[in-house]
Amino acid sequence: MQTPNLERSLELTRLCQDILSSNDQIYFVTVINKNGRPTESKFRNERIITKFKSQEIEMLYMQRTLQSSLTKEFDDLLGPLDFITIQRETLLEFLFPLSNGIVLVMADLDVVSRYLAKTISFIIRDFEWRFQGPCCA
């Protein structure tokens, strides 16, 4: 029998893998908890993340968590947050809300951002629905 924490960890691993598998142009996926700490990551291409020092990665995750949290403050006025897209010169970043944090996805500029974001949103919704079910509550 698996413990709830182990089961949650395995589910997050599968979530990251499902997102990474959804498009060949995704570099990596990270689940970040509400405290800005990564809980799971999957990489296809580590060339971007290896440029960062560990302190810079920590700062990036904290900043993205704060950005998402502040954006959610307007959910009552503007509707719930679906995702945030950040376009840089070299890549696209996507932030998706998750029940206990966010999912950060970095992808190539050549992706169709709206299509990719919707695809990932569906994967996350399916994950949240499965995890909220009777077996995992």
N, C-alpha and C. Protein backbone atom coordinates (compact mmCIF):
# COMPACT_ATOMS: atom_id res chain seq x y z
N MET A 1 0.84 -1.19 0.00
CA MET A 1 0.00 0.00 0.00
C MET A 1 0.87 1.25 0.00
N GLN A 2 0.54 2.19 -0.85
CA GLN A 2 1.33 3.41 -0.95
C GLN A 2 0.79 4.47 -0.01
N THR A 3 1.70 5.27 0.52
CA THR A 3 1.27 6.38 1.38
C THR A 3 0.73 7.51 0.50
N PRO A 4 -0.11 8.38 1.07
CA PRO A 4 -0.64 9.50 0.27
C PRO A 4 0.45 10.39 -0.31
N ASN A 5 1.55 10.62 0.43
CA ASN A 5 2.63 11.46 -0.08
C ASN A 5 3.33 10.81 -1.26
N LEU A 6 3.57 9.50 -1.17
CA LEU A 6 4.19 8.78 -2.27
C LEU A 6 3.27 8.78 -3.47
N GLU A 7 1.99 8.55 -3.23
CA GLU A 7 1.02 8.54 -4.33
C GLU A 7 0.97 9.91 -5.00
N ARG A 8 0.97 10.96 -4.21
CA ARG A 8 0.95 12.32 -4.76
C ARG A 8 2.22 12.56 -5.59
N SER A 9 3.36 12.13 -5.08
CA SER A 9 4.62 12.30 -5.80
C SER A 9 4.60 11.56 -7.14
N LEU A 10 4.08 10.35 -7.13
CA LEU A 10 3.99 9.58 -8.37
C LEU A 10 3.04 10.24 -9.36
N GLU A 11 1.95 10.80 -8.85
CA GLU A 11 1.00 11.51 -9.70
C GLU A 11 1.63 12.77 -10.31
N LEU A 12 2.43 13.50 -9.52
CA LEU A 12 3.09 14.70 -10.04
C LEU A 12 4.13 14.32 -11.09
N THR A 13 4.82 13.21 -10.89
CA THR A 13 5.77 12.73 -11.88
C THR A 13 5.04 12.43 -13.18
N ARG A 14 3.90 11.77 -13.07
CA ARG A 14 3.13 11.43 -14.27
C ARG A 14 2.58 12.70 -14.93
N LEU A 15 2.15 13.68 -14.12
CA LEU A 15 1.67 14.95 -14.68
C LEU A 15 2.77 15.61 -15.50
N CYS A 16 3.95 15.71 -14.94
CA CYS A 16 5.08 16.33 -15.66
C CYS A 16 5.39 15.56 -16.93
N GLN A 17 5.40 14.26 -16.85
CA GLN A 17 5.70 13.44 -18.02
C GLN A 17 4.63 13.60 -19.09
N ASP A 18 3.35 13.65 -18.68
CA ASP A 18 2.26 13.84 -19.64
C ASP A 18 2.38 15.18 -20.36
N ILE A 19 2.72 16.22 -19.61
CA ILE A 19 2.89 17.54 -20.22
C ILE A 19 4.08 17.54 -21.17
N LEU A 20 5.19 16.99 -20.73
CA LEU A 20 6.40 16.93 -21.56
C LEU A 20 6.13 16.13 -22.84
N SER A 21 5.36 15.08 -22.74
CA SER A 21 5.05 14.23 -23.89
C SER A 21 4.05 14.86 -24.86
N SER A 22 3.36 15.89 -24.42
CA SER A 22 2.32 16.49 -25.25
C SER A 22 2.87 17.28 -26.44
N ASN A 23 4.15 17.68 -26.36
CA ASN A 23 4.73 18.46 -27.45
C ASN A 23 6.25 18.33 -27.42
N ASP A 24 6.84 18.01 -28.54
CA ASP A 24 8.29 17.84 -28.62
C ASP A 24 9.08 19.12 -28.40
N GLN A 25 8.40 20.25 -28.46
CA GLN A 25 9.10 21.53 -28.32
C GLN A 25 9.06 22.08 -26.89
N ILE A 26 8.60 21.27 -25.95
CA ILE A 26 8.66 21.65 -24.54
C ILE A 26 10.04 21.26 -24.01
N TYR A 27 10.73 22.22 -23.41
CA TYR A 27 12.06 21.96 -22.85
C TYR A 27 11.97 21.27 -21.50
N PHE A 28 11.16 21.86 -20.60
CA PHE A 28 11.00 21.22 -19.30
C PHE A 28 9.72 21.68 -18.61
N VAL A 29 9.34 20.90 -17.60
CA VAL A 29 8.14 21.13 -16.82
C VAL A 29 8.52 21.02 -15.35
N THR A 30 8.07 21.97 -14.55
CA THR A 30 8.33 21.92 -13.11
C THR A 30 7.04 22.22 -12.36
N VAL A 31 6.75 21.42 -11.36
CA VAL A 31 5.65 21.71 -10.44
C VAL A 31 6.27 22.42 -9.25
N ILE A 32 5.73 23.59 -8.93
CA ILE A 32 6.26 24.41 -7.85
C ILE A 32 5.16 24.56 -6.80
N ASN A 33 5.48 24.28 -5.54
CA ASN A 33 4.46 24.40 -4.50
C ASN A 33 4.19 25.86 -4.16
N LYS A 34 3.20 26.09 -3.30
CA LYS A 34 2.79 27.46 -2.98
C LYS A 34 3.88 28.26 -2.27
N ASN A 35 4.92 27.58 -1.78
CA ASN A 35 6.05 28.26 -1.14
C ASN A 35 7.19 28.54 -2.11
N GLY A 36 6.98 28.24 -3.39
CA GLY A 36 8.01 28.52 -4.39
C GLY A 36 9.08 27.45 -4.51
N ARG A 37 8.82 26.27 -3.96
CA ARG A 37 9.80 25.18 -4.02
C ARG A 37 9.38 24.15 -5.06
N PRO A 38 10.31 23.71 -5.88
CA PRO A 38 9.96 22.67 -6.87
C PRO A 38 9.69 21.34 -6.17
N THR A 39 8.62 20.67 -6.61
CA THR A 39 8.30 19.36 -6.04
C THR A 39 8.53 18.24 -7.04
N GLU A 40 8.52 18.59 -8.34
CA GLU A 40 8.78 17.61 -9.38
C GLU A 40 9.20 18.34 -10.64
N SER A 41 10.11 17.76 -11.39
CA SER A 41 10.57 18.35 -12.64
C SER A 41 10.88 17.24 -13.64
N LYS A 42 10.62 17.53 -14.89
CA LYS A 42 11.00 16.64 -15.99
C LYS A 42 11.62 17.49 -17.08
N PHE A 43 12.72 17.00 -17.63
CA PHE A 43 13.47 17.74 -18.63
C PHE A 43 13.57 16.97 -19.93
N ARG A 44 13.43 17.66 -21.02
CA ARG A 44 13.77 17.11 -22.33
C ARG A 44 15.12 17.71 -22.74
N ASN A 45 15.30 18.97 -22.38
CA ASN A 45 16.50 19.70 -22.77
C ASN A 45 16.92 20.55 -21.59
N GLU A 46 18.05 20.23 -21.01
CA GLU A 46 18.51 20.93 -19.81
C GLU A 46 19.38 22.14 -20.13
N ARG A 47 19.55 22.48 -21.40
CA ARG A 47 20.49 23.54 -21.75
C ARG A 47 20.12 24.89 -21.15
N ILE A 48 18.84 25.13 -20.97
CA ILE A 48 18.42 26.42 -20.40
C ILE A 48 18.63 26.43 -18.90
N ILE A 49 18.17 25.41 -18.23
CA ILE A 49 18.23 25.38 -16.77
C ILE A 49 19.67 25.27 -16.27
N THR A 50 20.57 24.68 -17.06
CA THR A 50 21.97 24.56 -16.63
C THR A 50 22.70 25.91 -16.66
N LYS A 51 22.13 26.90 -17.32
CA LYS A 51 22.72 28.24 -17.32
C LYS A 51 22.56 28.93 -15.97
N PHE A 52 21.58 28.47 -15.19
CA PHE A 52 21.26 29.11 -13.92
C PHE A 52 22.11 28.55 -12.78
N LYS A 53 22.46 29.42 -11.85
CA LYS A 53 23.02 28.97 -10.57
C LYS A 53 21.84 28.54 -9.72
N SER A 54 22.08 27.72 -8.71
CA SER A 54 20.97 27.21 -7.89
C SER A 54 20.18 28.34 -7.25
N GLN A 55 20.85 29.41 -6.84
CA GLN A 55 20.16 30.55 -6.23
C GLN A 55 19.27 31.26 -7.27
N GLU A 56 19.71 31.31 -8.51
CA GLU A 56 18.91 31.94 -9.56
C GLU A 56 17.66 31.10 -9.88
N ILE A 57 17.80 29.80 -9.85
CA ILE A 57 16.65 28.92 -10.07
C ILE A 57 15.64 29.14 -8.96
N GLU A 58 16.13 29.19 -7.73
CA GLU A 58 15.27 29.44 -6.58
C GLU A 58 14.52 30.76 -6.74
N MET A 59 15.24 31.79 -7.15
CA MET A 59 14.62 33.10 -7.34
C MET A 59 13.57 33.06 -8.46
N LEU A 60 13.87 32.37 -9.54
CA LEU A 60 12.93 32.24 -10.65
C LEU A 60 11.64 31.58 -10.17
N TYR A 61 11.77 30.47 -9.46
CA TYR A 61 10.59 29.75 -8.97
C TYR A 61 9.78 30.61 -7.99
N MET A 62 10.46 31.29 -7.10
CA MET A 62 9.76 32.17 -6.14
C MET A 62 9.04 33.30 -6.88
N GLN A 63 9.71 33.89 -7.86
CA GLN A 63 9.10 34.99 -8.60
C GLN A 63 7.88 34.53 -9.37
N ARG A 64 7.97 33.38 -10.01
CA ARG A 64 6.83 32.86 -10.77
C ARG A 64 5.66 32.51 -9.84
N THR A 65 5.95 31.98 -8.67
CA THR A 65 4.90 31.68 -7.68
C THR A 65 4.22 32.96 -7.23
N LEU A 66 5.00 33.96 -6.92
CA LEU A 66 4.44 35.24 -6.49
C LEU A 66 3.62 35.89 -7.61
N GLN A 67 4.14 35.86 -8.81
CA GLN A 67 3.42 36.42 -9.96
C GLN A 67 2.06 35.77 -10.13
N SER A 68 2.03 34.46 -10.07
CA SER A 68 0.77 33.72 -10.21
C SER A 68 -0.17 34.04 -9.06
N SER A 69 0.35 34.08 -7.87
CA SER A 69 -0.46 34.37 -6.69
C SER A 69 -1.08 35.76 -6.76
N LEU A 70 -0.29 36.74 -7.15
CA LEU A 70 -0.80 38.11 -7.27
C LEU A 70 -1.85 38.23 -8.37
N THR A 71 -1.66 37.52 -9.44
CA THR A 71 -2.63 37.54 -10.54
C THR A 71 -3.97 36.96 -10.09
N LYS A 72 -3.93 35.93 -9.25
CA LYS A 72 -5.15 35.29 -8.75
C LYS A 72 -5.98 36.23 -7.87
N GLU A 73 -5.36 37.28 -7.37
CA GLU A 73 -6.07 38.25 -6.53
C GLU A 73 -7.24 38.90 -7.28
N PHE A 74 -7.19 38.88 -8.59
CA PHE A 74 -8.22 39.51 -9.40
C PHE A 74 -9.24 38.51 -9.96
N ASP A 75 -9.20 37.28 -9.49
CA ASP A 75 -10.12 36.25 -9.99
C ASP A 75 -11.58 36.65 -9.82
N ASP A 76 -11.94 37.26 -8.71
CA ASP A 76 -13.34 37.65 -8.49
C ASP A 76 -13.80 38.72 -9.48
N LEU A 77 -12.91 39.60 -9.85
CA LEU A 77 -13.27 40.69 -10.77
C LEU A 77 -13.17 40.29 -12.24
N LEU A 78 -12.14 39.52 -12.57
CA LEU A 78 -11.84 39.24 -13.98
C LEU A 78 -12.07 37.79 -14.40
N GLY A 79 -12.38 36.94 -13.45
CA GLY A 79 -12.52 35.52 -13.74
C GLY A 79 -11.26 34.78 -13.34
N PRO A 80 -11.37 33.47 -13.16
CA PRO A 80 -10.21 32.67 -12.72
C PRO A 80 -9.08 32.65 -13.75
N LEU A 81 -7.89 32.56 -13.23
CA LEU A 81 -6.69 32.49 -14.06
C LEU A 81 -6.61 31.15 -14.76
N ASP A 82 -6.46 31.16 -16.08
CA ASP A 82 -6.24 29.94 -16.85
C ASP A 82 -4.74 29.66 -16.96
N PHE A 83 -4.00 30.67 -17.43
CA PHE A 83 -2.56 30.53 -17.56
C PHE A 83 -1.95 31.90 -17.83
N ILE A 84 -0.66 31.97 -17.64
CA ILE A 84 0.12 33.18 -17.95
C ILE A 84 1.18 32.75 -18.96
N THR A 85 1.33 33.56 -20.00
CA THR A 85 2.37 33.30 -20.99
C THR A 85 3.39 34.43 -20.94
N ILE A 86 4.64 34.07 -20.92
CA ILE A 86 5.74 35.04 -20.94
C ILE A 86 6.59 34.72 -22.15
N GLN A 87 6.69 35.67 -23.06
CA GLN A 87 7.51 35.45 -24.25
C GLN A 87 8.83 36.17 -24.08
N ARG A 88 9.89 35.42 -24.23
CA ARG A 88 11.25 35.97 -24.17
C ARG A 88 11.86 35.86 -25.56
N GLU A 89 13.01 36.41 -25.71
CA GLU A 89 13.70 36.36 -27.00
C GLU A 89 14.05 34.93 -27.39
N THR A 90 14.28 34.08 -26.40
CA THR A 90 14.76 32.73 -26.67
C THR A 90 13.75 31.61 -26.40
N LEU A 91 12.67 31.89 -25.68
CA LEU A 91 11.73 30.83 -25.33
C LEU A 91 10.42 31.40 -24.83
N LEU A 92 9.46 30.50 -24.63
CA LEU A 92 8.18 30.85 -24.03
C LEU A 92 8.09 30.20 -22.66
N GLU A 93 7.54 30.93 -21.70
CA GLU A 93 7.25 30.38 -20.38
C GLU A 93 5.74 30.37 -20.21
N PHE A 94 5.24 29.32 -19.61
CA PHE A 94 3.82 29.22 -19.29
C PHE A 94 3.69 28.93 -17.80
N LEU A 95 2.76 29.61 -17.16
CA LEU A 95 2.44 29.35 -15.76
C LEU A 95 0.98 28.92 -15.68
N PHE A 96 0.74 27.80 -15.02
CA PHE A 96 -0.61 27.28 -14.86
C PHE A 96 -0.90 27.09 -13.38
N PRO A 97 -2.05 27.55 -12.92
CA PRO A 97 -2.39 27.31 -11.51
C PRO A 97 -2.64 25.83 -11.26
N LEU A 98 -2.25 25.39 -10.09
CA LEU A 98 -2.47 24.03 -9.64
C LEU A 98 -3.02 24.16 -8.22
N SER A 99 -3.75 23.19 -7.74
CA SER A 99 -4.40 23.31 -6.43
C SER A 99 -3.44 23.73 -5.32
N ASN A 100 -2.23 23.23 -5.31
CA ASN A 100 -1.26 23.58 -4.26
C ASN A 100 -0.04 24.30 -4.79
N GLY A 101 -0.16 25.02 -5.89
CA GLY A 101 0.98 25.72 -6.45
C GLY A 101 0.77 26.06 -7.90
N ILE A 102 1.84 25.88 -8.68
CA ILE A 102 1.78 26.19 -10.11
C ILE A 102 2.58 25.17 -10.90
N VAL A 103 2.33 25.15 -12.20
CA VAL A 103 3.14 24.37 -13.12
C VAL A 103 3.84 25.37 -14.04
N LEU A 104 5.15 25.28 -14.10
CA LEU A 104 5.96 26.13 -14.98
C LEU A 104 6.42 25.27 -16.15
N VAL A 105 6.16 25.74 -17.36
CA VAL A 105 6.56 25.04 -18.57
C VAL A 105 7.39 26.00 -19.41
N MET A 106 8.53 25.56 -19.90
CA MET A 106 9.33 26.35 -20.83
C MET A 106 9.39 25.60 -22.15
N ALA A 107 9.15 26.36 -23.24
CA ALA A 107 9.06 25.74 -24.56
C ALA A 107 9.73 26.62 -25.61
N ASP A 108 9.96 26.02 -26.76
CA ASP A 108 10.54 26.71 -27.91
C ASP A 108 9.58 27.79 -28.41
N LEU A 109 10.14 28.83 -28.98
CA LEU A 109 9.33 29.92 -29.53
C LEU A 109 8.45 29.50 -30.69
N ASP A 110 8.78 28.41 -31.35
CA ASP A 110 8.05 27.98 -32.53
C ASP A 110 6.71 27.32 -32.24
N VAL A 111 6.39 27.07 -30.97
CA VAL A 111 5.10 26.44 -30.66
C VAL A 111 3.97 27.43 -30.91
N VAL A 112 2.80 26.88 -31.17
CA VAL A 112 1.60 27.72 -31.24
C VAL A 112 1.14 27.87 -29.79
N SER A 113 1.43 29.02 -29.21
CA SER A 113 1.30 29.18 -27.76
C SER A 113 -0.11 28.94 -27.24
N ARG A 114 -1.11 29.45 -27.91
CA ARG A 114 -2.49 29.29 -27.43
C ARG A 114 -2.90 27.81 -27.47
N TYR A 115 -2.54 27.12 -28.54
CA TYR A 115 -2.86 25.70 -28.66
C TYR A 115 -2.14 24.89 -27.58
N LEU A 116 -0.84 25.15 -27.39
CA LEU A 116 -0.08 24.42 -26.39
C LEU A 116 -0.64 24.70 -24.99
N ALA A 117 -0.95 25.95 -24.70
CA ALA A 117 -1.49 26.30 -23.38
C ALA A 117 -2.81 25.58 -23.11
N LYS A 118 -3.68 25.52 -24.10
CA LYS A 118 -4.95 24.82 -23.93
C LYS A 118 -4.74 23.32 -23.73
N THR A 119 -3.81 22.74 -24.48
CA THR A 119 -3.50 21.32 -24.33
C THR A 119 -3.02 21.03 -22.91
N ILE A 120 -2.09 21.85 -22.42
CA ILE A 120 -1.56 21.66 -21.07
C ILE A 120 -2.66 21.89 -20.03
N SER A 121 -3.51 22.88 -20.25
CA SER A 121 -4.62 23.13 -19.32
C SER A 121 -5.51 21.91 -19.18
N PHE A 122 -5.80 21.24 -20.30
CA PHE A 122 -6.62 20.03 -20.25
C PHE A 122 -5.93 18.92 -19.48
N ILE A 123 -4.63 18.77 -19.67
CA ILE A 123 -3.87 17.75 -18.94
C ILE A 123 -3.92 18.03 -17.44
N ILE A 124 -3.75 19.29 -17.07
CA ILE A 124 -3.78 19.67 -15.65
C ILE A 124 -5.17 19.48 -15.06
N ARG A 125 -6.20 19.87 -15.79
CA ARG A 125 -7.57 19.66 -15.30
C ARG A 125 -7.86 18.18 -15.09
N ASP A 126 -7.41 17.35 -16.02
CA ASP A 126 -7.60 15.92 -15.87
C ASP A 126 -6.86 15.40 -14.63
N PHE A 127 -5.64 15.88 -14.42
CA PHE A 127 -4.86 15.51 -13.24
C PHE A 127 -5.60 15.91 -11.97
N GLU A 128 -6.06 17.15 -11.92
CA GLU A 128 -6.76 17.65 -10.72
C GLU A 128 -8.02 16.83 -10.47
N TRP A 129 -8.74 16.51 -11.52
CA TRP A 129 -9.97 15.73 -11.37
C TRP A 129 -9.65 14.33 -10.84
N ARG A 130 -8.62 13.69 -11.41
CA ARG A 130 -8.24 12.35 -10.96
C ARG A 130 -7.75 12.36 -9.52
N PHE A 131 -6.97 13.38 -9.18
CA PHE A 131 -6.38 13.43 -7.84
C PHE A 131 -7.41 13.77 -6.78
N GLN A 132 -8.46 14.48 -7.16
CA GLN A 132 -9.51 14.83 -6.22
C GLN A 132 -10.50 13.68 -6.01
N GLY A 133 -10.36 12.62 -6.81
CA GLY A 133 -11.27 11.49 -6.73
C GLY A 133 -11.17 10.78 -5.40
N PRO A 134 -12.05 9.79 -5.14
CA PRO A 134 -12.11 9.10 -3.87
C PRO A 134 -10.83 8.37 -3.47
N CYS A 135 -10.05 7.93 -4.46
CA CYS A 135 -8.83 7.19 -4.11
C CYS A 135 -7.73 8.07 -3.58
N CYS A 136 -7.78 9.34 -3.90
CA CYS A 136 -6.63 10.21 -3.60
C CYS A 136 -6.98 11.40 -2.73
N ALA A 137 -8.16 11.53 -2.26
CA ALA A 137 -8.57 12.72 -1.49
C ALA A 137 -7.90 12.77 -0.15
